[in-house]
């Protein structure tokens, strides 16, 4: 099984982590939300798989392109 790194497209603060490690995800399911410019930007799963790890926690500040989670497909 391949590991797929999930990156955020915006810099900001992690404001929600709706998916838990071990969860079965479908393409497009939200893994995290990043607050940027007073908006909550979703970080979606790019493919179907199992959430292997979450590399950030609530209120972490993330940079554009930072890996926030890993999915095993």
PDB file of N, CA and C in Angstrom:
ATOM      1  N   UNK A   1       0.832  -1.181   0.000  1.00  0.00           N
ATOM      2  CA  UNK A   1       0.000   0.000   0.000  1.00  0.00           C
ATOM      3  C   UNK A   1       0.883   1.254   0.000  1.00  0.00           C
ATOM      4  N   UNK A   2       0.463   2.246  -0.738  1.00  0.00           N
ATOM      5  CA  UNK A   2       1.238   3.475  -0.869  1.00  0.00           C
ATOM      6  C   UNK A   2       0.806   4.520   0.155  1.00  0.00           C
ATOM      7  N   UNK A   3       1.786   5.260   0.659  1.00  0.00           N
ATOM      8  CA  UNK A   3       1.494   6.382   1.546  1.00  0.00           C
ATOM      9  C   UNK A   3       1.395   7.648   0.708  1.00  0.00           C
ATOM     10  N   UNK A   4       0.348   8.417   0.942  1.00  0.00           N
ATOM     11  CA  UNK A   4       0.127   9.658   0.208  1.00  0.00           C
ATOM     12  C   UNK A   4       0.147  10.804   1.206  1.00  0.00           C
ATOM     13  N   UNK A   5       1.021  11.786   0.960  1.00  0.00           N
ATOM     14  CA  UNK A   5       1.138  12.947   1.841  1.00  0.00           C
ATOM     15  C   UNK A   5       0.069  13.968   1.468  1.00  0.00           C
ATOM     16  N   UNK A   6      -0.613  14.492   2.487  1.00  0.00           N
ATOM     17  CA  UNK A   6      -1.643  15.498   2.295  1.00  0.00           C
ATOM     18  C   UNK A   6      -1.062  16.840   2.704  1.00  0.00           C
ATOM     19  N   UNK A   7      -1.099  17.807   1.802  1.00  0.00           N
ATOM     20  CA  UNK A   7      -0.538  19.128   2.084  1.00  0.00           C
ATOM     21  C   UNK A   7      -1.635  20.186   2.069  1.00  0.00           C
ATOM     22  N   UNK A   8      -1.389  21.264   2.809  1.00  0.00           N
ATOM     23  CA  UNK A   8      -2.314  22.388   2.808  1.00  0.00           C
ATOM     24  C   UNK A   8      -1.912  23.362   1.706  1.00  0.00           C
ATOM     25  N   UNK A   9      -2.895  23.957   1.082  1.00  0.00           N
ATOM     26  CA  UNK A   9      -2.635  24.900  -0.006  1.00  0.00           C
ATOM     27  C   UNK A   9      -2.523  26.338   0.481  1.00  0.00           C
ATOM     28  N   UNK A  10      -2.805  26.559   1.779  1.00  0.00           N
ATOM     29  CA  UNK A  10      -2.737  27.913   2.341  1.00  0.00           C
ATOM     30  C   UNK A  10      -1.996  27.882   3.677  1.00  0.00           C
ATOM     31  N   UNK A  11      -1.428  29.023   4.032  1.00  0.00           N
ATOM     32  CA  UNK A  11      -0.834  29.180   5.354  1.00  0.00           C
ATOM     33  C   UNK A  11      -1.913  29.661   6.302  1.00  0.00           C
ATOM     34  N   UNK A  12      -1.842  29.237   7.547  1.00  0.00           N
ATOM     35  CA  UNK A  12      -2.829  29.667   8.525  1.00  0.00           C
ATOM     36  C   UNK A  12      -2.765  28.826   9.778  1.00  0.00           C
ATOM     37  N   UNK A  13      -3.866  28.836  10.535  1.00  0.00           N
ATOM     38  CA  UNK A  13      -3.960  28.113  11.802  1.00  0.00           C
ATOM     39  C   UNK A  13      -4.926  26.948  11.658  1.00  0.00           C
ATOM     40  N   UNK A  14      -4.527  25.776  12.136  1.00  0.00           N
ATOM     41  CA  UNK A  14      -5.406  24.607  12.103  1.00  0.00           C
ATOM     42  C   UNK A  14      -6.546  24.851  13.087  1.00  0.00           C
ATOM     43  N   UNK A  15      -7.782  24.891  12.578  1.00  0.00           N
ATOM     44  CA  UNK A  15      -8.923  25.201  13.439  1.00  0.00           C
ATOM     45  C   UNK A  15      -9.857  24.003  13.650  1.00  0.00           C
ATOM     46  N   UNK A  16      -9.685  22.933  12.872  1.00  0.00           N
ATOM     47  CA  UNK A  16     -10.508  21.734  13.064  1.00  0.00           C
ATOM     48  C   UNK A  16      -9.814  20.534  12.444  1.00  0.00           C
ATOM     49  N   UNK A  17      -9.999  19.388  13.104  1.00  0.00           N
ATOM     50  CA  UNK A  17      -9.479  18.108  12.603  1.00  0.00           C
ATOM     51  C   UNK A  17     -10.617  17.088  12.666  1.00  0.00           C
ATOM     52  N   UNK A  18     -11.491  17.095  11.650  1.00  0.00           N
ATOM     53  CA  UNK A  18     -12.681  16.244  11.711  1.00  0.00           C
ATOM     54  C   UNK A  18     -12.430  14.746  11.527  1.00  0.00           C
ATOM     55  N   UNK A  19     -11.292  14.350  10.994  1.00  0.00           N
ATOM     56  CA  UNK A  19     -11.016  12.932  10.763  1.00  0.00           C
ATOM     57  C   UNK A  19     -10.030  12.407  11.801  1.00  0.00           C
ATOM     58  N   UNK A  20     -10.235  11.182  12.250  1.00  0.00           N
ATOM     59  CA  UNK A  20      -9.363  10.551  13.238  1.00  0.00           C
ATOM     60  C   UNK A  20      -8.465   9.523  12.568  1.00  0.00           C
ATOM     61  N   UNK A  21      -7.309   9.294  13.167  1.00  0.00           N
ATOM     62  CA  UNK A  21      -6.389   8.271  12.665  1.00  0.00           C
ATOM     63  C   UNK A  21      -7.117   6.939  12.630  1.00  0.00           C
ATOM     64  N   UNK A  22      -6.965   6.216  11.530  1.00  0.00           N
ATOM     65  CA  UNK A  22      -7.631   4.932  11.354  1.00  0.00           C
ATOM     66  C   UNK A  22      -8.945   5.037  10.602  1.00  0.00           C
ATOM     67  N   UNK A  23      -9.420   6.259  10.383  1.00  0.00           N
ATOM     68  CA  UNK A  23     -10.690   6.464   9.680  1.00  0.00           C
ATOM     69  C   UNK A  23     -10.552   6.086   8.213  1.00  0.00           C
ATOM     70  N   UNK A  24     -11.599   5.522   7.674  1.00  0.00           N
ATOM     71  CA  UNK A  24     -11.676   5.218   6.251  1.00  0.00           C
ATOM     72  C   UNK A  24     -12.193   6.464   5.535  1.00  0.00           C
ATOM     73  N   UNK A  25     -11.433   6.954   4.562  1.00  0.00           N
ATOM     74  CA  UNK A  25     -11.770   8.193   3.873  1.00  0.00           C
ATOM     75  C   UNK A  25     -12.081   7.948   2.406  1.00  0.00           C
ATOM     76  N   UNK A  26     -12.949   8.776   1.876  1.00  0.00           N
ATOM     77  CA  UNK A  26     -13.231   8.796   0.447  1.00  0.00           C
ATOM     78  C   UNK A  26     -12.588  10.051  -0.131  1.00  0.00           C
ATOM     79  N   UNK A  27     -12.361  10.049  -1.410  1.00  0.00           N
ATOM     80  CA  UNK A  27     -11.807  11.230  -2.069  1.00  0.00           C
ATOM     81  C   UNK A  27     -12.694  12.435  -1.782  1.00  0.00           C
ATOM     82  N   UNK A  28     -12.088  13.538  -1.337  1.00  0.00           N
ATOM     83  CA  UNK A  28     -12.829  14.753  -1.051  1.00  0.00           C
ATOM     84  C   UNK A  28     -13.232  14.932   0.401  1.00  0.00           C
ATOM     85  N   UNK A  29     -13.132  13.876   1.222  1.00  0.00           N
ATOM     86  CA  UNK A  29     -13.441  14.014   2.648  1.00  0.00           C
ATOM     87  C   UNK A  29     -12.460  14.988   3.291  1.00  0.00           C
ATOM     88  N   UNK A  30     -12.950  15.823   4.194  1.00  0.00           N
ATOM     89  CA  UNK A  30     -12.091  16.795   4.861  1.00  0.00           C
ATOM     90  C   UNK A  30     -11.260  16.123   5.943  1.00  0.00           C
ATOM     91  N   UNK A  31      -9.961  16.416   5.924  1.00  0.00           N
ATOM     92  CA  UNK A  31      -9.034  15.906   6.932  1.00  0.00           C
ATOM     93  C   UNK A  31      -8.770  16.976   7.977  1.00  0.00           C
ATOM     94  N   UNK A  32      -8.701  18.227   7.528  1.00  0.00           N
ATOM     95  CA  UNK A  32      -8.434  19.356   8.419  1.00  0.00           C
ATOM     96  C   UNK A  32      -9.054  20.612   7.822  1.00  0.00           C
ATOM     97  N   UNK A  33      -9.161  21.635   8.676  1.00  0.00           N
ATOM     98  CA  UNK A  33      -9.560  22.962   8.221  1.00  0.00           C
ATOM     99  C   UNK A  33      -8.502  23.942   8.712  1.00  0.00           C
ATOM    100  N   UNK A  34      -8.076  24.822   7.793  1.00  0.00           N
ATOM    101  CA  UNK A  34      -7.080  25.833   8.125  1.00  0.00           C
ATOM    102  C   UNK A  34      -7.751  27.204   8.036  1.00  0.00           C
ATOM    103  N   UNK A  35      -7.637  27.981   9.108  1.00  0.00           N
ATOM    104  CA  UNK A  35      -8.193  29.324   9.124  1.00  0.00           C
ATOM    105  C   UNK A  35      -7.170  30.274   8.512  1.00  0.00           C
ATOM    106  N   UNK A  36      -7.593  30.942   7.453  1.00  0.00           N
ATOM    107  CA  UNK A  36      -6.742  31.908   6.766  1.00  0.00           C
ATOM    108  C   UNK A  36      -7.618  33.058   6.293  1.00  0.00           C
ATOM    109  N   UNK A  37      -7.223  34.271   6.571  1.00  0.00           N
ATOM    110  CA  UNK A  37      -7.968  35.459   6.150  1.00  0.00           C
ATOM    111  C   UNK A  37      -9.432  35.398   6.590  1.00  0.00           C
ATOM    112  N   UNK A  38      -9.650  34.935   7.830  1.00  0.00           N
ATOM    113  CA  UNK A  38     -10.987  34.832   8.436  1.00  0.00           C
ATOM    114  C   UNK A  38     -11.905  33.839   7.717  1.00  0.00           C
ATOM    115  N   UNK A  39     -11.309  32.918   6.959  1.00  0.00           N
ATOM    116  CA  UNK A  39     -12.074  31.859   6.284  1.00  0.00           C
ATOM    117  C   UNK A  39     -11.530  30.510   6.737  1.00  0.00           C
ATOM    118  N   UNK A  40     -12.390  29.501   6.765  1.00  0.00           N
ATOM    119  CA  UNK A  40     -11.962  28.142   7.073  1.00  0.00           C
ATOM    120  C   UNK A  40     -11.803  27.385   5.760  1.00  0.00           C
ATOM    121  N   UNK A  41     -10.563  27.062   5.424  1.00  0.00           N
ATOM    122  CA  UNK A  41     -10.247  26.396   4.157  1.00  0.00           C
ATOM    123  C   UNK A  41     -10.099  24.898   4.420  1.00  0.00           C
ATOM    124  N   UNK A  42     -10.882  24.047   3.738  1.00  0.00           N
ATOM    125  CA  UNK A  42     -10.766  22.605   3.963  1.00  0.00           C
ATOM    126  C   UNK A  42      -9.510  22.029   3.305  1.00  0.00           C
ATOM    127  N   UNK A  43      -8.961  21.006   3.950  1.00  0.00           N
ATOM    128  CA  UNK A  43      -7.864  20.223   3.382  1.00  0.00           C
ATOM    129  C   UNK A  43      -8.468  18.851   3.086  1.00  0.00           C
ATOM    130  N   UNK A  44      -8.794  18.570   1.816  1.00  0.00           N
ATOM    131  CA  UNK A  44      -9.495  17.325   1.482  1.00  0.00           C
ATOM    132  C   UNK A  44      -8.547  16.159   1.196  1.00  0.00           C
ATOM    133  N   UNK A  45      -9.083  14.964   1.341  1.00  0.00           N
ATOM    134  CA  UNK A  45      -8.349  13.757   0.954  1.00  0.00           C
ATOM    135  C   UNK A  45      -8.319  13.685  -0.573  1.00  0.00           C
ATOM    136  N   UNK A  46      -7.146  13.512  -1.165  1.00  0.00           N
ATOM    137  CA  UNK A  46      -7.061  13.455  -2.623  1.00  0.00           C
ATOM    138  C   UNK A  46      -7.467  12.100  -3.206  1.00  0.00           C
ATOM    139  N   UNK A  47      -7.603  11.095  -2.348  1.00  0.00           N
ATOM    140  CA  UNK A  47      -7.924   9.754  -2.806  1.00  0.00           C
ATOM    141  C   UNK A  47      -8.597   8.971  -1.679  1.00  0.00           C
ATOM    142  N   UNK A  48      -9.129   7.820  -2.001  1.00  0.00           N
ATOM    143  CA  UNK A  48      -9.722   6.928  -1.008  1.00  0.00           C
ATOM    144  C   UNK A  48      -8.613   6.186  -0.273  1.00  0.00           C
ATOM    145  N   UNK A  49      -8.797   5.995   1.025  1.00  0.00           N
ATOM    146  CA  UNK A  49      -7.802   5.268   1.800  1.00  0.00           C
ATOM    147  C   UNK A  49      -8.086   5.363   3.284  1.00  0.00           C
ATOM    148  N   UNK A  50      -7.085   4.987   4.074  1.00  0.00           N
ATOM    149  CA  UNK A  50      -7.180   5.018   5.532  1.00  0.00           C
ATOM    150  C   UNK A  50      -6.235   6.091   6.054  1.00  0.00           C
ATOM    151  N   UNK A  51      -6.733   6.912   6.976  1.00  0.00           N
ATOM    152  CA  UNK A  51      -5.905   7.957   7.552  1.00  0.00           C
ATOM    153  C   UNK A  51      -4.869   7.313   8.468  1.00  0.00           C
ATOM    154  N   UNK A  52      -3.615   7.362   8.033  1.00  0.00           N
ATOM    155  CA  UNK A  52      -2.525   6.708   8.754  1.00  0.00           C
ATOM    156  C   UNK A  52      -1.997   7.571   9.897  1.00  0.00           C
ATOM    157  N   UNK A  53      -1.837   8.868   9.649  1.00  0.00           N
ATOM    158  CA  UNK A  53      -1.358   9.761  10.708  1.00  0.00           C
ATOM    159  C   UNK A  53      -1.749  11.202  10.419  1.00  0.00           C
ATOM    160  N   UNK A  54      -1.889  11.970  11.499  1.00  0.00           N
ATOM    161  CA  UNK A  54      -2.139  13.404  11.416  1.00  0.00           C
ATOM    162  C   UNK A  54      -0.918  14.071  12.032  1.00  0.00           C
ATOM    163  N   UNK A  55      -0.263  14.932  11.273  1.00  0.00           N
ATOM    164  CA  UNK A  55       1.011  15.509  11.690  1.00  0.00           C
ATOM    165  C   UNK A  55       0.885  16.884  12.329  1.00  0.00           C
ATOM    166  N   UNK A  56      -0.338  17.360  12.501  1.00  0.00           N
ATOM    167  CA  UNK A  56      -0.579  18.660  13.136  1.00  0.00           C
ATOM    168  C   UNK A  56      -1.623  18.484  14.225  1.00  0.00           C
ATOM    169  N   UNK A  57      -1.748  19.500  15.076  1.00  0.00           N
ATOM    170  CA  UNK A  57      -2.794  19.486  16.097  1.00  0.00           C
ATOM    171  C   UNK A  57      -3.529  20.818  16.060  1.00  0.00           C
ATOM    172  N   UNK A  58      -4.644  20.895  16.757  1.00  0.00           N
ATOM    173  CA  UNK A  58      -5.428  22.125  16.778  1.00  0.00           C
ATOM    174  C   UNK A  58      -4.571  23.307  17.201  1.00  0.00           C
ATOM    175  N   UNK A  59      -4.797  24.436  16.539  1.00  0.00           N
ATOM    176  CA  UNK A  59      -4.110  25.705  16.796  1.00  0.00           C
ATOM    177  C   UNK A  59      -2.668  25.749  16.299  1.00  0.00           C
ATOM    178  N   UNK A  60      -2.179  24.696  15.656  1.00  0.00           N
ATOM    179  CA  UNK A  60      -0.852  24.765  15.024  1.00  0.00           C
ATOM    180  C   UNK A  60      -0.906  25.751  13.870  1.00  0.00           C
ATOM    181  N   UNK A  61       0.180  26.478  13.672  1.00  0.00           N
ATOM    182  CA  UNK A  61       0.303  27.357  12.514  1.00  0.00           C
ATOM    183  C   UNK A  61       1.026  26.562  11.433  1.00  0.00           C
ATOM    184  N   UNK A  62       0.436  26.521  10.245  1.00  0.00           N
ATOM    185  CA  UNK A  62       1.013  25.752   9.140  1.00  0.00           C
ATOM    186  C   UNK A  62       1.381  26.680   7.994  1.00  0.00           C
ATOM    187  N   UNK A  63       2.364  26.247   7.223  1.00  0.00           N
ATOM    188  CA  UNK A  63       2.808  26.991   6.047  1.00  0.00           C
ATOM    189  C   UNK A  63       2.164  26.402   4.799  1.00  0.00           C
ATOM    190  N   UNK A  64       2.091  27.198   3.748  1.00  0.00           N
ATOM    191  CA  UNK A  64       1.579  26.708   2.464  1.00  0.00           C
ATOM    192  C   UNK A  64       2.465  25.549   2.009  1.00  0.00           C
ATOM    193  N   UNK A  65       1.838  24.442   1.621  1.00  0.00           N
ATOM    194  CA  UNK A  65       2.573  23.276   1.147  1.00  0.00           C
ATOM    195  C   UNK A  65       3.049  22.345   2.241  1.00  0.00           C
ATOM    196  N   UNK A  66       2.717  22.623   3.498  1.00  0.00           N
ATOM    197  CA  UNK A  66       3.136  21.769   4.609  1.00  0.00           C
ATOM    198  C   UNK A  66       2.331  20.479   4.632  1.00  0.00           C
ATOM    199  N   UNK A  67       3.005  19.364   4.922  1.00  0.00           N
ATOM    200  CA  UNK A  67       2.323  18.077   5.051  1.00  0.00           C
ATOM    201  C   UNK A  67       1.568  18.070   6.376  1.00  0.00           C
ATOM    202  N   UNK A  68       0.263  17.799   6.318  1.00  0.00           N
ATOM    203  CA  UNK A  68      -0.562  17.791   7.533  1.00  0.00           C
ATOM    204  C   UNK A  68      -1.033  16.388   7.920  1.00  0.00           C
ATOM    205  N   UNK A  69      -1.022  15.460   6.962  1.00  0.00           N
ATOM    206  CA  UNK A  69      -1.495  14.107   7.250  1.00  0.00           C
ATOM    207  C   UNK A  69      -0.968  13.133   6.191  1.00  0.00           C
ATOM    208  N   UNK A  70      -1.083  11.855   6.502  1.00  0.00           N
ATOM    209  CA  UNK A  70      -0.679  10.798   5.564  1.00  0.00           C
ATOM    210  C   UNK A  70      -1.825   9.800   5.454  1.00  0.00           C
ATOM    211  N   UNK A  71      -2.179   9.482   4.208  1.00  0.00           N
ATOM    212  CA  UNK A  71      -3.211   8.476   3.920  1.00  0.00           C
ATOM    213  C   UNK A  71      -2.531   7.242   3.334  1.00  0.00           C
ATOM    214  N   UNK A  72      -2.992   6.080   3.750  1.00  0.00           N
ATOM    215  CA  UNK A  72      -2.526   4.824   3.180  1.00  0.00           C
ATOM    216  C   UNK A  72      -3.595   4.354   2.193  1.00  0.00           C
ATOM    217  N   UNK A  73      -3.212   4.206   0.938  1.00  0.00           N
ATOM    218  CA  UNK A  73      -4.213   3.796  -0.070  1.00  0.00           C
ATOM    219  C   UNK A  73      -3.940   2.404  -0.586  1.00  0.00           C
TER     220      UNK A  73
END
